[in-house]
Amino acid sequence: MADFLGLMKQAAELKTKMEAMQAELDHIEVEGTAGGGMVRVTMTAKGELKSVKFDPSLMKPEEKEIAEDLVVAAHAHARRAGVEAVLMQRRLLGTWRDRPTCDPPIADKQKYCKARE
Protein backbone atom coordinates (compact mmCIF):
# COMPACT_ATOMS: atom_id res chain seq x y z
CA MET A 1 0.00 0.00 0.00
CA ALA A 2 2.87 2.37 0.79
CA ASP A 3 4.25 1.83 -2.71
CA PHE A 4 0.92 2.87 -4.22
CA LEU A 5 0.75 6.00 -2.08
CA GLY A 6 4.32 6.85 -3.04
CA LEU A 7 3.42 6.48 -6.73
CA MET A 8 0.40 8.72 -6.28
CA LYS A 9 2.56 11.38 -4.62
CA GLN A 10 5.12 11.17 -7.44
CA ALA A 11 2.35 11.48 -10.03
CA ALA A 12 0.98 14.58 -8.30
CA GLU A 13 4.46 16.14 -8.17
CA LEU A 14 5.03 15.35 -11.85
CA LYS A 15 1.68 16.91 -12.74
CA THR A 16 2.60 20.09 -10.86
CA LYS A 17 5.96 20.27 -12.62
CA MET A 18 4.35 19.73 -16.04
CA GLU A 19 1.80 22.49 -15.40
CA ALA A 20 4.59 24.89 -14.40
CA MET A 21 6.57 23.98 -17.51
CA GLN A 22 3.53 24.54 -19.74
CA ALA A 23 2.98 27.97 -18.20
CA GLU A 24 6.64 28.81 -18.74
CA LEU A 25 6.35 28.05 -22.47
CA ASP A 26 4.04 31.06 -22.83
CA HIS A 27 6.93 33.34 -21.89
CA ILE A 28 9.65 31.79 -24.06
CA GLU A 29 9.94 33.50 -27.45
CA VAL A 30 11.78 32.06 -30.44
CA GLU A 31 12.60 33.55 -33.83
CA GLY A 32 12.72 32.00 -37.28
CA THR A 33 14.07 33.52 -40.46
CA ALA A 34 13.75 32.84 -44.17
CA GLY A 35 15.22 34.31 -47.33
CA GLY A 36 18.54 35.12 -45.71
CA GLY A 37 16.81 37.13 -42.99
CA MET A 38 14.40 38.95 -45.30
CA VAL A 39 11.45 37.53 -43.34
CA ARG A 40 11.54 37.14 -39.54
CA VAL A 41 8.90 35.46 -37.40
CA THR A 42 8.70 35.63 -33.60
CA MET A 43 6.49 33.19 -31.70
CA THR A 44 6.09 31.63 -28.28
CA ALA A 45 7.38 28.16 -27.59
CA LYS A 46 3.72 27.07 -27.61
CA GLY A 47 3.31 28.27 -31.21
CA GLU A 48 1.49 31.58 -30.72
CA LEU A 49 2.68 33.94 -33.45
CA LYS A 50 3.80 37.26 -31.97
CA SER A 51 5.19 39.15 -34.96
CA VAL A 52 6.21 38.93 -38.60
CA LYS A 53 8.77 41.32 -40.06
CA PHE A 54 9.47 41.80 -43.78
CA ASP A 55 12.59 43.38 -45.22
CA PRO A 56 11.57 46.68 -46.86
CA SER A 57 12.98 45.51 -50.20
CA LEU A 58 10.19 42.91 -50.47
CA MET A 59 7.33 45.41 -50.89
CA LYS A 60 6.23 49.00 -50.98
CA PRO A 61 7.12 50.67 -47.65
CA GLU A 62 3.56 51.91 -47.04
CA GLU A 63 2.19 48.34 -47.31
CA LYS A 64 4.79 46.64 -45.08
CA GLU A 65 3.11 47.07 -41.68
CA ILE A 66 -0.33 46.09 -43.01
CA ALA A 67 1.08 42.91 -44.57
CA GLU A 68 2.87 41.99 -41.32
CA ASP A 69 -0.33 42.44 -39.29
CA LEU A 70 -2.37 40.44 -41.82
CA VAL A 71 0.03 37.50 -41.62
CA VAL A 72 -0.21 37.47 -37.81
CA ALA A 73 -4.03 37.63 -38.03
CA ALA A 74 -4.16 34.83 -40.63
CA HIS A 75 -1.92 32.66 -38.46
CA ALA A 76 -4.19 33.23 -35.43
CA HIS A 77 -7.23 32.32 -37.51
CA ALA A 78 -5.56 29.13 -38.75
CA ARG A 79 -4.60 28.16 -35.18
CA ARG A 80 -8.20 28.62 -34.01
CA ALA A 81 -9.41 26.50 -36.93
CA GLY A 82 -6.88 23.84 -35.97
CA VAL A 83 -8.11 23.78 -32.37
CA GLU A 84 -11.69 23.47 -33.61
CA ALA A 85 -10.69 20.58 -35.90
CA VAL A 86 -9.01 18.76 -33.01
CA LEU A 87 -12.09 19.31 -30.83
CA MET A 88 -14.35 17.96 -33.57
CA GLN A 89 -12.24 14.81 -33.82
CA ARG A 90 -12.26 14.40 -30.04
CA ARG A 91 -16.04 14.84 -29.95
CA LEU A 92 -16.42 12.21 -32.66
CA LEU A 93 -14.20 9.82 -30.71
CA GLY A 94 -15.68 10.80 -27.35
CA THR A 95 -12.25 11.24 -25.80
CA TRP A 96 -12.96 14.19 -23.51
CA ARG A 97 -16.72 14.57 -23.26
CA ASP A 98 -17.12 11.21 -21.55
CA ARG A 99 -14.79 12.10 -18.69
CA PRO A 100 -16.33 13.13 -15.35
CA THR A 101 -15.07 16.70 -15.81
CA CYS A 102 -15.24 18.70 -18.98
CA ASP A 103 -11.78 20.07 -19.70
CA PRO A 104 -11.34 20.82 -23.41
CA PRO A 105 -7.99 22.29 -24.47
CA ILE A 106 -9.43 25.73 -25.23
CA ALA A 107 -10.13 28.93 -23.38
CA ASP A 108 -13.87 29.00 -24.16
CA LYS A 109 -14.94 26.15 -21.90
CA GLN A 110 -18.50 27.44 -21.52
CA LYS A 111 -19.21 26.92 -25.21
CA TYR A 112 -18.26 23.24 -25.04
CA CYS A 113 -19.06 22.33 -21.45
CA LYS A 114 -22.30 24.24 -20.85
CA ALA A 115 -24.31 21.11 -20.08
CA ARG A 116 -21.87 19.96 -17.40
CA GLU A 117 -21.26 23.23 -15.55
C-alpha atoms as a PDB file:
ATOM      1  CA  MET A   1       0.000   0.000   0.000  1.00  0.00           C
ATOM      2  CA  ALA A   2       2.867   2.371   0.792  1.00  0.00           C
ATOM      3  CA  ASP A   3       4.253   1.833  -2.713  1.00  0.00           C
ATOM      4  CA  PHE A   4       0.924   2.866  -4.223  1.00  0.00           C
ATOM      5  CA  LEU A   5       0.748   6.002  -2.079  1.00  0.00           C
ATOM      6  CA  GLY A   6       4.317   6.855  -3.040  1.00  0.00           C
ATOM      7  CA  LEU A   7       3.425   6.475  -6.727  1.00  0.00           C
ATOM      8  CA  MET A   8       0.397   8.723  -6.283  1.00  0.00           C
ATOM      9  CA  LYS A   9       2.558  11.377  -4.624  1.00  0.00           C
ATOM     10  CA  GLN A  10       5.119  11.170  -7.435  1.00  0.00           C
ATOM     11  CA  ALA A  11       2.347  11.477 -10.027  1.00  0.00           C
ATOM     12  CA  ALA A  12       0.976  14.582  -8.299  1.00  0.00           C
ATOM     13  CA  GLU A  13       4.458  16.135  -8.169  1.00  0.00           C
ATOM     14  CA  LEU A  14       5.027  15.352 -11.845  1.00  0.00           C
ATOM     15  CA  LYS A  15       1.678  16.913 -12.744  1.00  0.00           C
ATOM     16  CA  THR A  16       2.598  20.095 -10.859  1.00  0.00           C
ATOM     17  CA  LYS A  17       5.962  20.273 -12.620  1.00  0.00           C
ATOM     18  CA  MET A  18       4.355  19.728 -16.038  1.00  0.00           C
ATOM     19  CA  GLU A  19       1.802  22.491 -15.403  1.00  0.00           C
ATOM     20  CA  ALA A  20       4.588  24.887 -14.403  1.00  0.00           C
ATOM     21  CA  MET A  21       6.571  23.985 -17.513  1.00  0.00           C
ATOM     22  CA  GLN A  22       3.533  24.540 -19.742  1.00  0.00           C
ATOM     23  CA  ALA A  23       2.982  27.973 -18.197  1.00  0.00           C
ATOM     24  CA  GLU A  24       6.644  28.807 -18.736  1.00  0.00           C
ATOM     25  CA  LEU A  25       6.346  28.048 -22.466  1.00  0.00           C
ATOM     26  CA  ASP A  26       4.036  31.059 -22.828  1.00  0.00           C
ATOM     27  CA  HIS A  27       6.933  33.343 -21.892  1.00  0.00           C
ATOM     28  CA  ILE A  28       9.654  31.794 -24.058  1.00  0.00           C
ATOM     29  CA  GLU A  29       9.941  33.497 -27.449  1.00  0.00           C
ATOM     30  CA  VAL A  30      11.784  32.062 -30.439  1.00  0.00           C
ATOM     31  CA  GLU A  31      12.601  33.550 -33.829  1.00  0.00           C
ATOM     32  CA  GLY A  32      12.724  31.996 -37.281  1.00  0.00           C
ATOM     33  CA  THR A  33      14.071  33.519 -40.457  1.00  0.00           C
ATOM     34  CA  ALA A  34      13.753  32.842 -44.171  1.00  0.00           C
ATOM     35  CA  GLY A  35      15.218  34.307 -47.332  1.00  0.00           C
ATOM     36  CA  GLY A  36      18.535  35.125 -45.710  1.00  0.00           C
ATOM     37  CA  GLY A  37      16.809  37.126 -42.988  1.00  0.00           C
ATOM     38  CA  MET A  38      14.405  38.955 -45.296  1.00  0.00           C
ATOM     39  CA  VAL A  39      11.453  37.527 -43.340  1.00  0.00           C
ATOM     40  CA  ARG A  40      11.536  37.140 -39.537  1.00  0.00           C
ATOM     41  CA  VAL A  41       8.903  35.457 -37.404  1.00  0.00           C
ATOM     42  CA  THR A  42       8.697  35.625 -33.603  1.00  0.00           C
ATOM     43  CA  MET A  43       6.495  33.195 -31.697  1.00  0.00           C
ATOM     44  CA  THR A  44       6.090  31.635 -28.276  1.00  0.00           C
ATOM     45  CA  ALA A  45       7.380  28.156 -27.592  1.00  0.00           C
ATOM     46  CA  LYS A  46       3.721  27.066 -27.608  1.00  0.00           C
ATOM     47  CA  GLY A  47       3.307  28.268 -31.210  1.00  0.00           C
ATOM     48  CA  GLU A  48       1.492  31.584 -30.716  1.00  0.00           C
ATOM     49  CA  LEU A  49       2.680  33.938 -33.448  1.00  0.00           C
ATOM     50  CA  LYS A  50       3.797  37.265 -31.971  1.00  0.00           C
ATOM     51  CA  SER A  51       5.186  39.146 -34.964  1.00  0.00           C
ATOM     52  CA  VAL A  52       6.207  38.926 -38.603  1.00  0.00           C
ATOM     53  CA  LYS A  53       8.766  41.320 -40.060  1.00  0.00           C
ATOM     54  CA  PHE A  54       9.473  41.796 -43.784  1.00  0.00           C
ATOM     55  CA  ASP A  55      12.586  43.378 -45.221  1.00  0.00           C
ATOM     56  CA  PRO A  56      11.566  46.679 -46.855  1.00  0.00           C
ATOM     57  CA  SER A  57      12.981  45.507 -50.200  1.00  0.00           C
ATOM     58  CA  LEU A  58      10.190  42.906 -50.474  1.00  0.00           C
ATOM     59  CA  MET A  59       7.334  45.413 -50.895  1.00  0.00           C
ATOM     60  CA  LYS A  60       6.228  49.000 -50.975  1.00  0.00           C
ATOM     61  CA  PRO A  61       7.116  50.665 -47.645  1.00  0.00           C
ATOM     62  CA  GLU A  62       3.564  51.907 -47.043  1.00  0.00           C
ATOM     63  CA  GLU A  63       2.190  48.341 -47.306  1.00  0.00           C
ATOM     64  CA  LYS A  64       4.788  46.644 -45.080  1.00  0.00           C
ATOM     65  CA  GLU A  65       3.112  47.073 -41.684  1.00  0.00           C
ATOM     66  CA  ILE A  66      -0.328  46.089 -43.005  1.00  0.00           C
ATOM     67  CA  ALA A  67       1.075  42.907 -44.570  1.00  0.00           C
ATOM     68  CA  GLU A  68       2.865  41.990 -41.323  1.00  0.00           C
ATOM     69  CA  ASP A  69      -0.325  42.438 -39.295  1.00  0.00           C
ATOM     70  CA  LEU A  70      -2.369  40.444 -41.815  1.00  0.00           C
ATOM     71  CA  VAL A  71       0.032  37.501 -41.621  1.00  0.00           C
ATOM     72  CA  VAL A  72      -0.215  37.466 -37.815  1.00  0.00           C
ATOM     73  CA  ALA A  73      -4.030  37.626 -38.029  1.00  0.00           C
ATOM     74  CA  ALA A  74      -4.158  34.833 -40.628  1.00  0.00           C
ATOM     75  CA  HIS A  75      -1.921  32.657 -38.458  1.00  0.00           C
ATOM     76  CA  ALA A  76      -4.190  33.230 -35.428  1.00  0.00           C
ATOM     77  CA  HIS A  77      -7.234  32.322 -37.513  1.00  0.00           C
ATOM     78  CA  ALA A  78      -5.559  29.131 -38.748  1.00  0.00           C
ATOM     79  CA  ARG A  79      -4.595  28.156 -35.181  1.00  0.00           C
ATOM     80  CA  ARG A  80      -8.205  28.620 -34.012  1.00  0.00           C
ATOM     81  CA  ALA A  81      -9.411  26.501 -36.930  1.00  0.00           C
ATOM     82  CA  GLY A  82      -6.881  23.838 -35.968  1.00  0.00           C
ATOM     83  CA  VAL A  83      -8.111  23.780 -32.374  1.00  0.00           C
ATOM     84  CA  GLU A  84     -11.690  23.467 -33.615  1.00  0.00           C
ATOM     85  CA  ALA A  85     -10.691  20.578 -35.897  1.00  0.00           C
ATOM     86  CA  VAL A  86      -9.015  18.762 -33.007  1.00  0.00           C
ATOM     87  CA  LEU A  87     -12.089  19.308 -30.830  1.00  0.00           C
ATOM     88  CA  MET A  88     -14.350  17.960 -33.567  1.00  0.00           C
ATOM     89  CA  GLN A  89     -12.240  14.813 -33.821  1.00  0.00           C
ATOM     90  CA  ARG A  90     -12.265  14.398 -30.043  1.00  0.00           C
ATOM     91  CA  ARG A  91     -16.040  14.843 -29.953  1.00  0.00           C
ATOM     92  CA  LEU A  92     -16.416  12.207 -32.657  1.00  0.00           C
ATOM     93  CA  LEU A  93     -14.201   9.822 -30.715  1.00  0.00           C
ATOM     94  CA  GLY A  94     -15.678  10.797 -27.352  1.00  0.00           C
ATOM     95  CA  THR A  95     -12.249  11.238 -25.802  1.00  0.00           C
ATOM     96  CA  TRP A  96     -12.963  14.190 -23.505  1.00  0.00           C
ATOM     97  CA  ARG A  97     -16.719  14.574 -23.259  1.00  0.00           C
ATOM     98  CA  ASP A  98     -17.123  11.208 -21.548  1.00  0.00           C
ATOM     99  CA  ARG A  99     -14.793  12.100 -18.690  1.00  0.00           C
ATOM    100  CA  PRO A 100     -16.325  13.132 -15.351  1.00  0.00           C
ATOM    101  CA  THR A 101     -15.069  16.698 -15.806  1.00  0.00           C
ATOM    102  CA  CYS A 102     -15.238  18.698 -18.982  1.00  0.00           C
ATOM    103  CA  ASP A 103     -11.779  20.071 -19.700  1.00  0.00           C
ATOM    104  CA  PRO A 104     -11.345  20.822 -23.411  1.00  0.00           C
ATOM    105  CA  PRO A 105      -7.989  22.292 -24.468  1.00  0.00           C
ATOM    106  CA  ILE A 106      -9.432  25.726 -25.230  1.00  0.00           C
ATOM    107  CA  ALA A 107     -10.132  28.927 -23.381  1.00  0.00           C
ATOM    108  CA  ASP A 108     -13.866  29.005 -24.164  1.00  0.00           C
ATOM    109  CA  LYS A 109     -14.942  26.148 -21.899  1.00  0.00           C
ATOM    110  CA  GLN A 110     -18.504  27.442 -21.515  1.00  0.00           C
ATOM    111  CA  LYS A 111     -19.214  26.923 -25.213  1.00  0.00           C
ATOM    112  CA  TYR A 112     -18.262  23.241 -25.036  1.00  0.00           C
ATOM    113  CA  CYS A 113     -19.062  22.325 -21.446  1.00  0.00           C
ATOM    114  CA  LYS A 114     -22.298  24.239 -20.846  1.00  0.00           C
ATOM    115  CA  ALA A 115     -24.308  21.113 -20.080  1.00  0.00           C
ATOM    116  CA  ARG A 116     -21.871  19.963 -17.396  1.00  0.00           C
ATOM    117  CA  GLU A 117     -21.257  23.233 -15.548  1.00  0.00           C
END
